[in-house]
């Protein structure tokens, strides 16, 4: 799945770059937009790679972990961050 995401990201960046160059003038705004797209693409790919590495080291018995257990783990530090809230909302939506 990550290969599909990487391919999509590459195509998206290339399409945006081509669109920006289509008027024949590559302005400073075009260059900044292209740089931002490249950074987002690279960060997304790096995030996938890191997650894949973590999946290899984390025991697979987490498949049966319930949303309540995940929420308890996220709340364990006493601070419900935005990431915790997003994770909990995602779990609730998947249920």
Protein backbone atom coordinates (compact mmCIF):
# COMPACT_ATOMS: atom_id res chain seq x y z
CA UNK A 1 0.00 0.00 0.00
CA UNK A 2 2.84 2.39 0.77
CA UNK A 3 4.21 1.88 -2.75
CA UNK A 4 0.83 2.97 -4.11
CA UNK A 5 0.92 6.06 -1.90
CA UNK A 6 4.47 6.90 -3.02
CA UNK A 7 3.52 6.51 -6.68
CA UNK A 8 0.46 8.71 -6.15
CA UNK A 9 2.53 11.37 -4.39
CA UNK A 10 5.08 11.37 -7.23
CA UNK A 11 2.34 11.75 -9.84
CA UNK A 12 0.62 14.48 -7.89
CA UNK A 13 3.82 16.51 -7.56
CA UNK A 14 4.70 16.06 -11.23
CA UNK A 15 1.19 17.10 -12.31
CA UNK A 16 1.29 20.23 -10.14
CA UNK A 17 4.73 21.17 -11.46
CA UNK A 18 3.57 20.71 -15.04
CA UNK A 19 0.47 22.82 -14.36
CA UNK A 20 2.55 25.61 -12.87
CA UNK A 21 4.88 25.60 -15.91
CA UNK A 22 1.99 25.49 -18.40
CA UNK A 23 1.76 29.27 -18.69
CA UNK A 24 5.39 29.43 -19.82
CA UNK A 25 6.45 31.51 -16.86
CA UNK A 26 7.86 29.94 -13.71
CA UNK A 27 7.39 32.63 -11.08
CA UNK A 28 8.75 32.73 -7.55
CA UNK A 29 5.35 31.55 -6.31
CA UNK A 30 5.60 28.54 -8.66
CA UNK A 31 9.04 27.69 -7.32
CA UNK A 32 7.87 28.00 -3.71
CA UNK A 33 4.83 25.85 -4.48
CA UNK A 34 6.99 23.19 -6.11
CA UNK A 35 9.39 23.19 -3.16
CA UNK A 36 6.50 22.83 -0.71
CA UNK A 37 5.02 19.96 -2.70
CA UNK A 38 8.38 18.18 -2.77
CA UNK A 39 8.78 18.57 1.00
CA UNK A 40 5.27 17.23 1.67
CA UNK A 41 5.92 14.29 -0.64
CA UNK A 42 9.25 13.50 1.01
CA UNK A 43 7.81 13.79 4.52
CA UNK A 44 4.89 11.54 3.59
CA UNK A 45 7.23 8.93 2.16
CA UNK A 46 9.52 9.15 5.19
CA UNK A 47 6.54 8.75 7.51
CA UNK A 48 5.47 5.61 5.64
CA UNK A 49 9.00 4.21 5.88
CA UNK A 50 9.20 4.89 9.61
CA UNK A 51 5.77 3.34 10.19
CA UNK A 52 6.84 0.26 8.21
CA UNK A 53 9.97 -0.07 10.34
CA UNK A 54 7.86 0.21 13.49
CA UNK A 55 5.44 -2.42 12.23
CA UNK A 56 8.31 -4.88 11.93
CA UNK A 57 9.33 -4.42 15.55
CA UNK A 58 5.91 -4.14 17.21
CA UNK A 59 4.23 -7.42 18.20
CA UNK A 60 1.26 -8.29 16.02
CA UNK A 61 -1.06 -9.19 18.90
CA UNK A 62 -2.18 -5.54 18.79
CA UNK A 63 -4.67 -6.48 16.09
CA UNK A 64 -7.21 -7.41 18.75
CA UNK A 65 -6.64 -4.24 20.77
CA UNK A 66 -9.92 -2.45 21.41
CA UNK A 67 -10.62 1.23 20.96
CA UNK A 68 -11.00 1.56 24.75
CA UNK A 69 -7.51 0.14 25.26
CA UNK A 70 -6.08 2.52 22.63
CA UNK A 71 -7.85 5.49 24.24
CA UNK A 72 -6.54 4.48 27.68
CA UNK A 73 -3.01 4.27 26.29
CA UNK A 74 -3.34 7.71 24.64
CA UNK A 75 -4.67 9.22 27.89
CA UNK A 76 -1.98 7.56 30.04
CA UNK A 77 0.33 10.57 29.95
CA UNK A 78 -2.41 12.77 31.44
CA UNK A 79 -2.40 15.08 28.44
CA UNK A 80 -4.88 14.53 25.64
CA UNK A 81 -3.10 16.14 22.72
CA UNK A 82 -4.55 16.93 19.33
CA UNK A 83 -2.90 13.76 18.02
CA UNK A 84 -4.64 11.76 20.75
CA UNK A 85 -8.00 13.30 19.85
CA UNK A 86 -7.48 12.60 16.15
CA UNK A 87 -6.48 9.01 16.89
CA UNK A 88 -9.52 8.46 19.07
CA UNK A 89 -11.82 10.02 16.48
CA UNK A 90 -10.31 7.81 13.77
CA UNK A 91 -10.84 4.72 15.87
CA UNK A 92 -14.45 5.72 16.51
CA UNK A 93 -15.08 6.28 12.81
CA UNK A 94 -13.64 2.88 11.90
CA UNK A 95 -15.87 1.15 14.45
